[in-house]
Amino acid sequence: MTRRFDEYRIVDGRTRFSASDMNPRFNDIDLRLHKQEVLEKDWEGAIRKVTDVSLDRIDSFIGPAAEVINERLVETETAVQAAQDALATLQSSQLSISLVDGLQAELDKIDTKADDSDDPDLSNEPDAAARRGFVAAAMQAAGGGVEVTTYDQSATWTNDVNVDALVIVEAWGAGGGGRNNVGGGGGGAYATAIFKADDLPSSVTLTVPSGGAVATTGGNATFGSLLTAYGGGGVPSTSGTFGGGGGEIEAGSISAGGKAGGGDVAGGAALTIYGGGAGGSGPGMDGGGAVYGGAGGSGTQSTDDGGASAYGGNGGDDQQPGERPGGGGGENAAGGGGRIKITVFGS
């Protein structure tokens, strides 16, 4: 807006102060101020309009994204709740650590050995993928209920569960008996397998052996003809001998571990996680330890201890029987009995 000071200037002796002279000046000033006020209002309206348009544009872009984020949050919360429910189901069913670890071990085996030509079961990638899906389904099937039954005596298992259920069988062979003044018995081996209920017969005979008597090899635990857990070796009267640990495909024997995995040196630990530990021989020797199989019994000195097992039975101390399942007997003591545990997912 141009300046008009010269038109408003008051000059001494020349400017008249009559209404006809002053009112036009004041009117012009008032009009100019009014235009400023109108312009200010127009700017405020323009700012409001720009703000509203900007907010609308922000809503049009951010609104859909916020909805997607909210949907993902709901999905995440649902997944977390499902995981918590699955964990609670596993905990409430009192599943053994050996069962959970066994599933994970099987999954890891399939993943890491799918291209291993030395393992015919895993050399074919499609077959490996199918096995992985089968094992992973065990955990998913838990949503239909979990039923765990432990057998410390021989019995018959009746297959009256859901045809889509998964049946996991765990078995421990009996521990061998120790011999007076010679050594401790070997621990029994562990075995496990996963079956679809629909693939099993209507009933299966379970053989659960008692612990090996003094100087006697422990018996095998069997789930029909479908699964066998081999017993630990007993100790004869021959000095310097010991009971070998039960192996994955063979029972332990005198001073020899069963193939494969049974402890095969006096007081030696199991050679695989499923094998049994060897018994101690003579004085000053503890029994061999194990992971899932039973541990070996003690040597012949009163301070000798039986071996320890993470998930099977411990070996007996001097003059003490082995613990169930599958612990080898200490000097002059019986081995621990076998056991079969059956867990049904989706029962």
C-alpha atoms as a PDB file:
ATOM      1  CA  MET A   1       0.000   0.000   0.000  1.00  0.00           C
ATOM      2  CA  THR A   2       1.465   3.385  -1.058  1.00  0.00           C
ATOM      3  CA  ARG A   3       2.172   6.077   1.485  1.00  0.00           C
ATOM      4  CA  ARG A   4       0.048   9.315   1.563  1.00  0.00           C
ATOM      5  CA  PHE A   5       1.821  11.356   4.195  1.00  0.00           C
ATOM      6  CA  ASP A   6       2.131  14.395   1.966  1.00  0.00           C
ATOM      7  CA  GLU A   7      -1.680  14.471   1.611  1.00  0.00           C
ATOM      8  CA  TYR A   8      -2.152  14.292   5.394  1.00  0.00           C
ATOM      9  CA  ARG A   9       0.686  16.691   6.305  1.00  0.00           C
ATOM     10  CA  ILE A  10      -0.289  19.692   8.476  1.00  0.00           C
ATOM     11  CA  VAL A  11       1.556  22.922   7.537  1.00  0.00           C
ATOM     12  CA  ASP A  12       1.615  25.852   9.908  1.00  0.00           C
ATOM     13  CA  GLY A  13      -0.294  28.842   8.587  1.00  0.00           C
ATOM     14  CA  ARG A  14      -1.626  26.911   5.621  1.00  0.00           C
ATOM     15  CA  THR A  15      -3.614  23.897   6.848  1.00  0.00           C
ATOM     16  CA  ARG A  16      -7.244  24.658   7.660  1.00  0.00           C
ATOM     17  CA  PHE A  17      -9.069  22.614  10.296  1.00  0.00           C
ATOM     18  CA  SER A  18     -12.546  22.826   8.920  1.00  0.00           C
ATOM     19  CA  ALA A  19     -14.741  19.708   8.433  1.00  0.00           C
ATOM     20  CA  SER A  20     -14.491  19.986   4.684  1.00  0.00           C
ATOM     21  CA  ASP A  21     -10.718  19.858   4.911  1.00  0.00           C
ATOM     22  CA  MET A  22     -10.164  17.242   7.671  1.00  0.00           C
ATOM     23  CA  ASN A  23     -12.973  14.685   7.149  1.00  0.00           C
ATOM     24  CA  PRO A  24     -11.722  13.486   3.727  1.00  0.00           C
ATOM     25  CA  ARG A  25      -8.335  12.840   5.299  1.00  0.00           C
ATOM     26  CA  PHE A  26      -9.833  10.872   8.228  1.00  0.00           C
ATOM     27  CA  ASN A  27     -12.108   8.947   5.868  1.00  0.00           C
ATOM     28  CA  ASP A  28      -9.181   7.905   3.719  1.00  0.00           C
ATOM     29  CA  ILE A  29      -7.266   6.751   6.802  1.00  0.00           C
ATOM     30  CA  ASP A  30     -10.299   4.764   8.003  1.00  0.00           C
ATOM     31  CA  LEU A  31     -10.712   3.043   4.613  1.00  0.00           C
ATOM     32  CA  ARG A  32      -7.069   2.084   4.575  1.00  0.00           C
ATOM     33  CA  LEU A  33      -7.296   0.601   8.084  1.00  0.00           C
ATOM     34  CA  HIS A  34     -10.470  -1.273   7.142  1.00  0.00           C
ATOM     35  CA  LYS A  35      -8.726  -2.843   4.146  1.00  0.00           C
ATOM     36  CA  GLN A  36      -5.950  -4.039   6.478  1.00  0.00           C
ATOM     37  CA  GLU A  37      -8.478  -5.611   8.816  1.00  0.00           C
ATOM     38  CA  VAL A  38     -10.251  -7.382   5.949  1.00  0.00           C
ATOM     39  CA  LEU A  39      -6.940  -8.622   4.599  1.00  0.00           C
ATOM     40  CA  GLU A  40      -5.988  -9.964   8.059  1.00  0.00           C
ATOM     41  CA  LYS A  41      -9.272 -11.890   8.250  1.00  0.00           C
ATOM     42  CA  ASP A  42      -8.696 -13.297   4.784  1.00  0.00           C
ATOM     43  CA  TRP A  43      -5.262 -14.550   5.852  1.00  0.00           C
ATOM     44  CA  GLU A  44      -6.708 -16.243   8.936  1.00  0.00           C
ATOM     45  CA  GLY A  45      -9.290 -18.013   6.778  1.00  0.00           C
ATOM     46  CA  ALA A  46      -6.602 -19.050   4.296  1.00  0.00           C
ATOM     47  CA  ILE A  47      -4.469 -20.482   7.091  1.00  0.00           C
ATOM     48  CA  ARG A  48      -7.445 -22.426   8.444  1.00  0.00           C
ATOM     49  CA  LYS A  49      -8.213 -23.769   4.994  1.00  0.00           C
ATOM     50  CA  VAL A  50      -4.602 -24.861   4.380  1.00  0.00           C
ATOM     51  CA  THR A  51      -4.523 -26.509   7.805  1.00  0.00           C
ATOM     52  CA  ASP A  52      -7.756 -28.420   7.157  1.00  0.00           C
ATOM     53  CA  VAL A  53      -6.606 -29.568   3.725  1.00  0.00           C
ATOM     54  CA  SER A  54      -3.258 -30.680   5.172  1.00  0.00           C
ATOM     55  CA  LEU A  55      -4.930 -32.658   7.937  1.00  0.00           C
ATOM     56  CA  ASP A  56      -7.234 -34.331   5.426  1.00  0.00           C
ATOM     57  CA  ARG A  57      -4.254 -35.321   3.288  1.00  0.00           C
ATOM     58  CA  ILE A  58      -2.419 -36.679   6.341  1.00  0.00           C
ATOM     59  CA  ASP A  59      -5.482 -38.729   7.317  1.00  0.00           C
ATOM     60  CA  SER A  60      -5.773 -40.108   3.787  1.00  0.00           C
ATOM     61  CA  PHE A  61      -2.192 -41.381   3.872  1.00  0.00           C
ATOM     62  CA  ILE A  62      -1.622 -42.263   7.525  1.00  0.00           C
ATOM     63  CA  GLY A  63      -5.114 -43.566   8.294  1.00  0.00           C
ATOM     64  CA  PRO A  64      -4.857 -46.761   6.203  1.00  0.00           C
ATOM     65  CA  ALA A  65      -1.314 -47.386   7.463  1.00  0.00           C
ATOM     66  CA  ALA A  66      -2.496 -47.034  11.059  1.00  0.00           C
ATOM     67  CA  GLU A  67      -5.271 -49.544  10.399  1.00  0.00           C
ATOM     68  CA  VAL A  68      -2.738 -52.049   9.022  1.00  0.00           C
ATOM     69  CA  ILE A  69      -0.494 -51.517  12.037  1.00  0.00           C
ATOM     70  CA  ASN A  70      -3.430 -52.116  14.379  1.00  0.00           C
ATOM     71  CA  GLU A  71      -4.324 -55.315  12.497  1.00  0.00           C
ATOM     72  CA  ARG A  72      -0.722 -56.543  12.800  1.00  0.00           C
ATOM     73  CA  LEU A  73      -0.731 -55.760  16.514  1.00  0.00           C
ATOM     74  CA  VAL A  74      -3.890 -57.812  16.962  1.00  0.00           C
ATOM     75  CA  GLU A  75      -2.357 -60.696  14.975  1.00  0.00           C
ATOM     76  CA  THR A  76       0.807 -60.510  17.086  1.00  0.00           C
ATOM     77  CA  GLU A  77      -1.175 -60.517  20.321  1.00  0.00           C
ATOM     78  CA  THR A  78      -3.130 -63.525  19.079  1.00  0.00           C
ATOM     79  CA  ALA A  79       0.077 -65.379  18.161  1.00  0.00           C
ATOM     80  CA  VAL A  80       1.641 -64.600  21.541  1.00  0.00           C
ATOM     81  CA  GLN A  81      -1.470 -65.838  23.331  1.00  0.00           C
ATOM     82  CA  ALA A  82      -1.446 -69.037  21.259  1.00  0.00           C
ATOM     83  CA  ALA A  83       2.217 -69.631  22.138  1.00  0.00           C
ATOM     84  CA  GLN A  84       1.489 -69.040  25.827  1.00  0.00           C
ATOM     85  CA  ASP A  85      -1.458 -71.430  25.699  1.00  0.00           C
ATOM     86  CA  ALA A  86       0.688 -74.093  23.994  1.00  0.00           C
ATOM     87  CA  LEU A  87       3.392 -73.676  26.638  1.00  0.00           C
ATOM     88  CA  ALA A  88       0.816 -73.971  29.408  1.00  0.00           C
ATOM     89  CA  THR A  89      -0.543 -77.136  27.786  1.00  0.00           C
ATOM     90  CA  LEU A  90       2.907 -78.687  27.641  1.00  0.00           C
ATOM     91  CA  GLN A  91       3.656 -77.724  31.225  1.00  0.00           C
ATOM     92  CA  SER A  92       0.326 -78.929  32.562  1.00  0.00           C
ATOM     93  CA  SER A  93       0.737 -82.272  30.816  1.00  0.00           C
ATOM     94  CA  GLN A  94       4.022 -82.788  32.686  1.00  0.00           C
ATOM     95  CA  LEU A  95       5.814 -83.917  29.546  1.00  0.00           C
ATOM     96  CA  SER A  96       9.333 -85.125  30.217  1.00  0.00           C
ATOM     97  CA  ILE A  97      12.224 -82.982  29.041  1.00  0.00           C
ATOM     98  CA  SER A  98      13.397 -85.973  27.034  1.00  0.00           C
ATOM     99  CA  LEU A  99      10.228 -85.866  24.942  1.00  0.00           C
ATOM    100  CA  VAL A 100      10.471 -82.161  24.117  1.00  0.00           C
ATOM    101  CA  ASP A 101      14.202 -82.394  23.445  1.00  0.00           C
ATOM    102  CA  GLY A 102      13.632 -85.505  21.358  1.00  0.00           C
ATOM    103  CA  LEU A 103      11.223 -83.642  19.081  1.00  0.00           C
ATOM    104  CA  GLN A 104      13.647 -80.757  18.678  1.00  0.00           C
ATOM    105  CA  ALA A 105      16.536 -83.141  18.061  1.00  0.00           C
ATOM    106  CA  GLU A 106      14.550 -84.860  15.335  1.00  0.00           C
ATOM    107  CA  LEU A 107      13.757 -81.524  13.687  1.00  0.00           C
ATOM    108  CA  ASP A 108      17.417 -80.478  13.878  1.00  0.00           C
ATOM    109  CA  LYS A 109      18.503 -83.815  12.440  1.00  0.00           C
ATOM    110  CA  ILE A 110      16.191 -83.412   9.462  1.00  0.00           C
ATOM    111  CA  ASP A 111      17.346 -79.829   8.879  1.00  0.00           C
ATOM    112  CA  THR A 112      21.084 -80.489   9.112  1.00  0.00           C
ATOM    113  CA  LYS A 113      21.258 -83.834   7.342  1.00  0.00           C
ATOM    114  CA  ALA A 114      18.739 -83.490   4.551  1.00  0.00           C
ATOM    115  CA  ASP A 115      21.560 -83.667   2.003  1.00  0.00           C
ATOM    116  CA  ASP A 116      23.554 -86.391   3.776  1.00  0.00           C
ATOM    117  CA  SER A 117      23.854 -89.244   1.287  1.00  0.00           C
ATOM    118  CA  ASP A 118      25.137 -91.538   4.050  1.00  0.00           C
ATOM    119  CA  ASP A 119      21.743 -91.450   5.734  1.00  0.00           C
ATOM    120  CA  PRO A 120      19.202 -93.091   3.405  1.00  0.00           C
ATOM    121  CA  ASP A 121      16.296 -91.765   5.435  1.00  0.00           C
ATOM    122  CA  LEU A 122      17.439 -88.185   4.968  1.00  0.00           C
ATOM    123  CA  SER A 123      19.102 -88.204   1.543  1.00  0.00           C
ATOM    124  CA  ASN A 124      15.835 -87.405  -0.238  1.00  0.00           C
ATOM    125  CA  GLU A 125      14.823 -83.758   0.222  1.00  0.00           C
ATOM    126  CA  PRO A 126      11.058 -84.244  -0.298  1.00  0.00           C
ATOM    127  CA  ASP A 127      11.114 -87.090   2.200  1.00  0.00           C
ATOM    128  CA  ALA A 128      13.027 -84.907   4.672  1.00  0.00           C
ATOM    129  CA  ALA A 129      10.468 -82.140   4.272  1.00  0.00           C
ATOM    130  CA  ALA A 130       7.640 -84.607   4.845  1.00  0.00           C
ATOM    131  CA  ARG A 131       9.293 -85.918   7.993  1.00  0.00           C
ATOM    132  CA  ARG A 132       9.819 -82.375   9.262  1.00  0.00           C
ATOM    133  CA  GLY A 133       6.158 -81.578   8.739  1.00  0.00           C
ATOM    134  CA  PHE A 134       5.164 -84.784  10.479  1.00  0.00           C
ATOM    135  CA  VAL A 135       7.295 -84.095  13.540  1.00  0.00           C
ATOM    136  CA  ALA A 136       6.285 -80.417  13.735  1.00  0.00           C
ATOM    137  CA  ALA A 137       2.637 -81.479  13.642  1.00  0.00           C
ATOM    138  CA  ALA A 138       3.152 -83.154  17.006  1.00  0.00           C
ATOM    139  CA  MET A 139       3.233 -79.803  18.723  1.00  0.00           C
ATOM    140  CA  GLN A 140       0.291 -78.439  16.721  1.00  0.00           C
ATOM    141  CA  ALA A 141      -1.763 -81.504  17.600  1.00  0.00           C
ATOM    142  CA  ALA A 142      -1.372 -80.621  21.268  1.00  0.00           C
ATOM    143  CA  GLY A 143      -4.211 -78.169  20.825  1.00  0.00           C
ATOM    144  CA  GLY A 144      -6.559 -81.171  20.811  1.00  0.00           C
ATOM    145  CA  GLY A 145      -5.360 -82.358  24.225  1.00  0.00           C
ATOM    146  CA  VAL A 146      -2.341 -84.209  25.607  1.00  0.00           C
ATOM    147  CA  GLU A 147      -2.492 -87.537  27.409  1.00  0.00           C
ATOM    148  CA  VAL A 148       0.588 -89.016  29.111  1.00  0.00           C
ATOM    149  CA  THR A 149       0.688 -92.568  30.514  1.00  0.00           C
ATOM    150  CA  THR A 150       3.691 -94.190  32.194  1.00  0.00           C
ATOM    151  CA  TYR A 151       4.050 -97.977  32.445  1.00  0.00           C
ATOM    152  CA  ASP A 152       6.424 -99.576  34.952  1.00  0.00           C
ATOM    153  CA  GLN A 153       4.914-103.018  34.373  1.00  0.00           C
ATOM    154  CA  SER A 154       4.004-104.948  31.246  1.00  0.00           C
ATOM    155  CA  ALA A 155       0.555-104.139  29.882  1.00  0.00           C
ATOM    156  CA  THR A 156      -1.506-103.745  26.722  1.00  0.00           C
ATOM    157  CA  TRP A 157      -1.971-100.305  25.182  1.00  0.00           C
ATOM    158  CA  THR A 158      -5.355 -99.814  23.529  1.00  0.00           C
ATOM    159  CA  ASN A 159      -5.455 -97.554  20.500  1.00  0.00           C
ATOM    160  CA  ASP A 160      -8.762 -95.807  21.170  1.00  0.00           C
ATOM    161  CA  VAL A 161      -7.523 -92.266  20.471  1.00  0.00           C
ATOM    162  CA  ASN A 162      -8.366 -89.863  17.656  1.00  0.00           C
ATOM    163  CA  VAL A 163      -7.234 -91.266  14.292  1.00  0.00           C
ATOM    164  CA  ASP A 164      -5.415 -87.990  13.582  1.00  0.00           C
ATOM    165  CA  ALA A 165      -3.554 -88.036  16.902  1.00  0.00           C
ATOM    166  CA  LEU A 166       0.218 -88.390  17.125  1.00  0.00           C
ATOM    167  CA  VAL A 167       1.582 -91.024  19.504  1.00  0.00           C
ATOM    168  CA  ILE A 168       5.081 -90.614  20.947  1.00  0.00           C
ATOM    169  CA  VAL A 169       6.561 -93.666  22.653  1.00  0.00           C
ATOM    170  CA  GLU A 170       9.585 -93.515  24.981  1.00  0.00           C
ATOM    171  CA  ALA A 171      11.180 -96.685  26.362  1.00  0.00           C
ATOM    172  CA  TRP A 172      14.019 -97.590  28.720  1.00  0.00           C
ATOM    173  CA  GLY A 173      15.619-101.028  28.944  1.00  0.00           C
ATOM    174  CA  ALA A 174      16.334-102.444  32.415  1.00  0.00           C
ATOM    175  CA  GLY A 175      19.705-101.993  34.106  1.00  0.00           C
ATOM    176  CA  GLY A 176      22.031-104.962  34.574  1.00  0.00           C
ATOM    177  CA  GLY A 177      22.819-106.409  38.011  1.00  0.00           C
ATOM    178  CA  GLY A 178      26.218-105.958  39.710  1.00  0.00           C
ATOM    179  CA  ARG A 179      28.353-108.731  41.204  1.00  0.00           C
ATOM    180  CA  ASN A 180      29.876-108.959  44.678  1.00  0.00           C
ATOM    181  CA  ASN A 181      33.606-108.158  44.709  1.00  0.00           C
ATOM    182  CA  VAL A 182      33.584-107.675  40.903  1.00  0.00           C
ATOM    183  CA  GLY A 183      31.726-104.557  39.716  1.00  0.00           C
ATOM    184  CA  GLY A 184      28.523-102.741  38.762  1.00  0.00           C
ATOM    185  CA  GLY A 185      25.927-103.474  36.102  1.00  0.00           C
ATOM    186  CA  GLY A 186      25.436-101.444  32.925  1.00  0.00           C
ATOM    187  CA  GLY A 187      22.620 -98.966  32.421  1.00  0.00           C
ATOM    188  CA  GLY A 188      19.737 -99.719  30.060  1.00  0.00           C
ATOM    189  CA  ALA A 189      19.375 -97.833  26.774  1.00  0.00           C
ATOM    190  CA  TYR A 190      16.667 -95.324  25.804  1.00  0.00           C
ATOM    191  CA  ALA A 191      14.599 -95.393  22.599  1.00  0.00           C
ATOM    192  CA  THR A 192      11.813 -93.221  21.206  1.00  0.00           C
ATOM    193  CA  ALA A 193       9.578 -93.111  18.131  1.00  0.00           C
ATOM    194  CA  ILE A 194       6.656 -91.077  16.762  1.00  0.00           C
ATOM    195  CA  PHE A 195       3.613 -92.710  15.170  1.00  0.00           C
ATOM    196  CA  LYS A 196       0.324 -91.611  13.655  1.00  0.00           C
ATOM    197  CA  ALA A 197      -2.485 -93.232  15.619  1.00  0.00           C
ATOM    198  CA  ASP A 198      -4.140 -94.326  12.380  1.00  0.00           C
ATOM    199  CA  ASP A 199      -0.990 -96.319  11.447  1.00  0.00           C
ATOM    200  CA  LEU A 200      -0.945 -98.311  14.702  1.00  0.00           C
ATOM    201  CA  PRO A 201      -2.911-101.511  15.395  1.00  0.00           C
ATOM    202  CA  SER A 202      -5.941-101.510  17.671  1.00  0.00           C
ATOM    203  CA  SER A 203      -3.763-102.703  20.570  1.00  0.00           C
ATOM    204  CA  VAL A 204      -0.042-103.063  21.283  1.00  0.00           C
ATOM    205  CA  THR A 205       1.654-105.319  23.832  1.00  0.00           C
ATOM    206  CA  LEU A 206       4.022-103.474  26.156  1.00  0.00           C
ATOM    207  CA  THR A 207       6.900-105.435  27.666  1.00  0.00           C
ATOM    208  CA  VAL A 208       8.401-103.637  30.666  1.00  0.00           C
ATOM    209  CA  PRO A 209      11.187-105.683  32.307  1.00  0.00           C
ATOM    210  CA  SER A 210      12.150-105.753  35.952  1.00  0.00           C
ATOM    211  CA  GLY A 211      15.733-104.805  36.741  1.00  0.00           C
ATOM    212  CA  GLY A 212      18.393-107.404  36.073  1.00  0.00           C
ATOM    213  CA  ALA A 213      19.007-109.573  39.134  1.00  0.00           C
ATOM    214  CA  VAL A 214      22.492-109.767  40.694  1.00  0.00           C
ATOM    215  CA  ALA A 215      25.022-110.625  37.972  1.00  0.00           C
ATOM    216  CA  THR A 216      22.247-110.724  35.317  1.00  0.00           C
ATOM    217  CA  THR A 217      21.757-108.652  32.168  1.00  0.00           C
ATOM    218  CA  GLY A 218      18.705-106.356  32.196  1.00  0.00           C
ATOM    219  CA  GLY A 219      15.770-107.157  29.913  1.00  0.00           C
ATOM    220  CA  ASN A 220      14.592-105.185  26.880  1.00  0.00           C
ATOM    221  CA  ALA A 221      11.550-102.911  26.949  1.00  0.00           C
ATOM    222  CA  THR A 222       9.378-103.265  23.833  1.00  0.00           C
ATOM    223  CA  PHE A 223       6.389-101.528  22.248  1.00  0.00           C
ATOM    224  CA  GLY A 224       5.125-104.535  20.305  1.00  0.00           C
ATOM    225  CA  SER A 225       7.557-105.119  17.439  1.00  0.00           C
ATOM    226  CA  LEU A 226       7.710-101.402  16.672  1.00  0.00           C
ATOM    227  CA  LEU A 227      10.241-100.169  19.235  1.00  0.00           C
ATOM    228  CA  THR A 228      12.874-101.759  21.490  1.00  0.00           C
ATOM    229  CA  ALA A 229      15.019-100.276  24.244  1.00  0.00           C
ATOM    230  CA  TYR A 230      17.859-102.660  25.114  1.00  0.00           C
ATOM    231  CA  GLY A 231      18.989-103.640  28.609  1.00  0.00           C
ATOM    232  CA  GLY A 232      22.325-103.091  30.324  1.00  0.00           C
ATOM    233  CA  GLY A 233      24.886-105.861  30.815  1.00  0.00           C
ATOM    234  CA  GLY A 234      25.222-107.916  34.002  1.00  0.00           C
ATOM    235  CA  VAL A 235      28.460-108.896  35.747  1.00  0.00           C
ATOM    236  CA  PRO A 236      29.692-112.539  36.029  1.00  0.00           C
ATOM    237  CA  SER A 237      32.012-113.856  38.709  1.00  0.00           C
ATOM    238  CA  THR A 238      35.144-113.132  36.684  1.00  0.00           C
ATOM    239  CA  SER A 239      37.357-110.564  38.388  1.00  0.00           C
ATOM    240  CA  GLY A 240      38.064-107.374  36.445  1.00  0.00           C
ATOM    241  CA  THR A 241      34.828-107.416  34.452  1.00  0.00           C
ATOM    242  CA  PHE A 242      31.926-104.985  34.391  1.00  0.00           C
ATOM    243  CA  GLY A 243      28.470-104.602  32.895  1.00  0.00           C
ATOM    244  CA  GLY A 244      28.447-102.846  29.535  1.00  0.00           C
ATOM    245  CA  GLY A 245      25.864-100.162  28.835  1.00  0.00           C
ATOM    246  CA  GLY A 246      22.830-100.938  26.683  1.00  0.00           C
ATOM    247  CA  GLY A 247      23.117 -99.738  23.085  1.00  0.00           C
ATOM    248  CA  GLU A 248      20.613 -98.367  20.591  1.00  0.00           C
ATOM    249  CA  ILE A 249      20.503-101.626  18.584  1.00  0.00           C
ATOM    250  CA  GLU A 250      21.905-104.191  21.012  1.00  0.00           C
ATOM    251  CA  ALA A 251      21.916-105.024  24.732  1.00  0.00           C
ATOM    252  CA  GLY A 252      25.028-104.555  26.862  1.00  0.00           C
ATOM    253  CA  SER A 253      27.028-107.603  27.844  1.00  0.00           C
ATOM    254  CA  ILE A 254      30.008-108.647  29.947  1.00  0.00           C
ATOM    255  CA  SER A 255      32.651-105.906  29.646  1.00  0.00           C
ATOM    256  CA  ALA A 256      31.173-104.738  26.346  1.00  0.00           C
ATOM    257  CA  GLY A 257      28.731-101.980  25.500  1.00  0.00           C
ATOM    258  CA  GLY A 258      25.824-102.728  23.206  1.00  0.00           C
ATOM    259  CA  LYS A 259      25.950-101.308  19.700  1.00  0.00           C
ATOM    260  CA  ALA A 260      25.627 -98.478  19.171  1.00  0.00           C
ATOM    261  CA  GLY A 261      26.201 -96.149  22.077  1.00  0.00           C
ATOM    262  CA  GLY A 262      26.543 -98.342  25.174  1.00  0.00           C
ATOM    263  CA  GLY A 263      29.413 -97.522  27.530  1.00  0.00           C
ATOM    264  CA  ASP A 264      32.170-100.017  26.651  1.00  0.00           C
ATOM    265  CA  VAL A 265      34.988 -99.380  29.150  1.00  0.00           C
ATOM    266  CA  ALA A 266      34.851 -99.883  32.918  1.00  0.00           C
ATOM    267  CA  GLY A 267      33.132 -96.861  34.441  1.00  0.00           C
ATOM    268  CA  GLY A 268      32.757 -95.312  30.979  1.00  0.00           C
ATOM    269  CA  ALA A 269      29.961 -92.944  30.025  1.00  0.00           C
ATOM    270  CA  ALA A 270      27.441 -93.780  27.306  1.00  0.00           C
ATOM    271  CA  LEU A 271      28.803 -93.146  23.817  1.00  0.00           C
ATOM    272  CA  THR A 272      25.579 -91.590  22.491  1.00  0.00           C
ATOM    273  CA  ILE A 273      22.797 -89.658  24.210  1.00  0.00           C
ATOM    274  CA  TYR A 274      20.520 -92.732  24.025  1.00  0.00           C
ATOM    275  CA  GLY A 275      23.053 -95.316  25.272  1.00  0.00           C
ATOM    276  CA  GLY A 276      23.504 -96.596  28.832  1.00  0.00           C
ATOM    277  CA  GLY A 277      26.577 -96.015  30.990  1.00  0.00           C
ATOM    278  CA  ALA A 278      29.006 -98.817  31.876  1.00  0.00           C
ATOM    279  CA  GLY A 279      29.382-100.207  35.402  1.00  0.00           C
ATOM    280  CA  GLY A 280      32.484 -99.644  37.487  1.00  0.00           C
ATOM    281  CA  SER A 281      34.997-102.508  37.930  1.00  0.00           C
ATOM    282  CA  GLY A 282      36.863-103.283  41.141  1.00  0.00           C
ATOM    283  CA  PRO A 283      37.484-100.806  43.967  1.00  0.00           C
ATOM    284  CA  GLY A 284      37.746 -97.063  43.513  1.00  0.00           C
ATOM    285  CA  MET A 285      35.645 -96.753  40.335  1.00  0.00           C
ATOM    286  CA  ASP A 286      32.301 -95.018  39.918  1.00  0.00           C
ATOM    287  CA  GLY A 287      29.689 -96.008  37.355  1.00  0.00           C
ATOM    288  CA  GLY A 288      29.531 -94.310  33.958  1.00  0.00           C
ATOM    289  CA  GLY A 289      27.062 -91.493  33.303  1.00  0.00           C
ATOM    290  CA  ALA A 290      24.376 -91.178  30.627  1.00  0.00           C
ATOM    291  CA  VAL A 291      21.986 -88.620  29.116  1.00  0.00           C
ATOM    292  CA  TYR A 292      18.691 -90.392  28.334  1.00  0.00           C
ATOM    293  CA  GLY A 293      19.760 -93.965  29.062  1.00  0.00           C
ATOM    294  CA  GLY A 294      20.377 -95.397  32.533  1.00  0.00           C
ATOM    295  CA  ALA A 295      23.749 -94.824  34.233  1.00  0.00           C
ATOM    296  CA  GLY A 296      26.160 -97.587  35.291  1.00  0.00           C
ATOM    297  CA  GLY A 297      26.427 -99.078  38.783  1.00  0.00           C
ATOM    298  CA  SER A 298      29.371 -98.556  41.154  1.00  0.00           C
ATOM    299  CA  GLY A 299      32.584-100.464  41.639  1.00  0.00           C
ATOM    300  CA  THR A 300      33.373-102.574  44.717  1.00  0.00           C
ATOM    301  CA  GLN A 301      34.507-100.012  47.259  1.00  0.00           C
ATOM    302  CA  SER A 302      32.073 -98.631  49.850  1.00  0.00           C
ATOM    303  CA  THR A 303      32.782 -95.076  48.728  1.00  0.00           C
ATOM    304  CA  ASP A 304      32.157 -95.836  45.034  1.00  0.00           C
ATOM    305  CA  ASP A 305      29.118 -94.145  43.520  1.00  0.00           C
ATOM    306  CA  GLY A 306      26.755 -95.056  40.762  1.00  0.00           C
ATOM    307  CA  GLY A 307      26.814 -92.919  37.623  1.00  0.00           C
ATOM    308  CA  ALA A 308      24.314 -90.087  37.067  1.00  0.00           C
ATOM    309  CA  SER A 309      21.792 -89.883  34.244  1.00  0.00           C
ATOM    310  CA  ALA A 310      20.123 -86.653  33.108  1.00  0.00           C
ATOM    311  CA  TYR A 311      16.770 -88.236  32.166  1.00  0.00           C
ATOM    312  CA  GLY A 312      17.096 -91.958  32.940  1.00  0.00           C
ATOM    313  CA  GLY A 313      17.751 -93.763  36.233  1.00  0.00           C
ATOM    314  CA  ASN A 314      20.966 -93.254  38.177  1.00  0.00           C
ATOM    315  CA  GLY A 315      23.290 -96.185  38.738  1.00  0.00           C
ATOM    316  CA  GLY A 316      23.305 -97.805  42.192  1.00  0.00           C
ATOM    317  CA  ASP A 317      25.993 -96.932  44.718  1.00  0.00           C
ATOM    318  CA  ASP A 318      27.992 -99.750  46.292  1.00  0.00           C
ATOM    319  CA  GLN A 319      25.594-102.513  47.417  1.00  0.00           C
ATOM    320  CA  GLN A 320      22.586-100.471  46.200  1.00  0.00           C
ATOM    321  CA  PRO A 321      20.168-101.237  43.345  1.00  0.00           C
ATOM    322  CA  GLY A 322      19.968 -99.049  40.286  1.00  0.00           C
ATOM    323  CA  GLU A 323      17.145 -96.529  39.954  1.00  0.00           C
ATOM    324  CA  ARG A 324      14.241 -96.933  37.555  1.00  0.00           C
ATOM    325  CA  PRO A 325      14.278 -96.451  34.642  1.00  0.00           C
ATOM    326  CA  GLY A 326      17.341 -98.413  33.574  1.00  0.00           C
ATOM    327  CA  GLY A 327      19.987 -97.624  36.198  1.00  0.00           C
ATOM    328  CA  GLY A 328      22.688-100.315  36.558  1.00  0.00           C
ATOM    329  CA  GLY A 329      22.947-102.060  39.936  1.00  0.00           C
ATOM    330  CA  GLY A 330      25.883-101.332  42.224  1.00  0.00           C
ATOM    331  CA  GLU A 331      28.169-104.094  43.488  1.00  0.00           C
ATOM    332  CA  ASN A 332      26.057-107.140  44.445  1.00  0.00           C
ATOM    333  CA  ALA A 333      22.764-105.332  43.668  1.00  0.00           C
ATOM    334  CA  ALA A 334      19.996-105.535  41.047  1.00  0.00           C
ATOM    335  CA  GLY A 335      19.532-103.085  38.230  1.00  0.00           C
ATOM    336  CA  GLY A 336      16.661-100.621  37.925  1.00  0.00           C
ATOM    337  CA  GLY A 337      13.548-101.741  36.053  1.00  0.00           C
ATOM    338  CA  GLY A 338      12.559-100.595  32.576  1.00  0.00           C
ATOM    339  CA  ARG A 339       9.822 -98.164  31.648  1.00  0.00           C
ATOM    340  CA  ILE A 340       7.557 -97.179  28.760  1.00  0.00           C
ATOM    341  CA  LYS A 341       5.953 -93.747  28.492  1.00  0.00           C
ATOM    342  CA  ILE A 342       3.285 -93.013  25.891  1.00  0.00           C
ATOM    343  CA  THR A 343       2.262 -89.448  25.073  1.00  0.00           C
ATOM    344  CA  VAL A 344      -0.706 -88.805  22.775  1.00  0.00           C
ATOM    345  CA  PHE A 345      -1.078 -85.381  21.115  1.00  0.00           C
ATOM    346  CA  GLY A 346      -4.577 -84.569  19.929  1.00  0.00           C
ATOM    347  CA  SER A 347      -6.213 -87.300  21.961  1.00  0.00           C
END
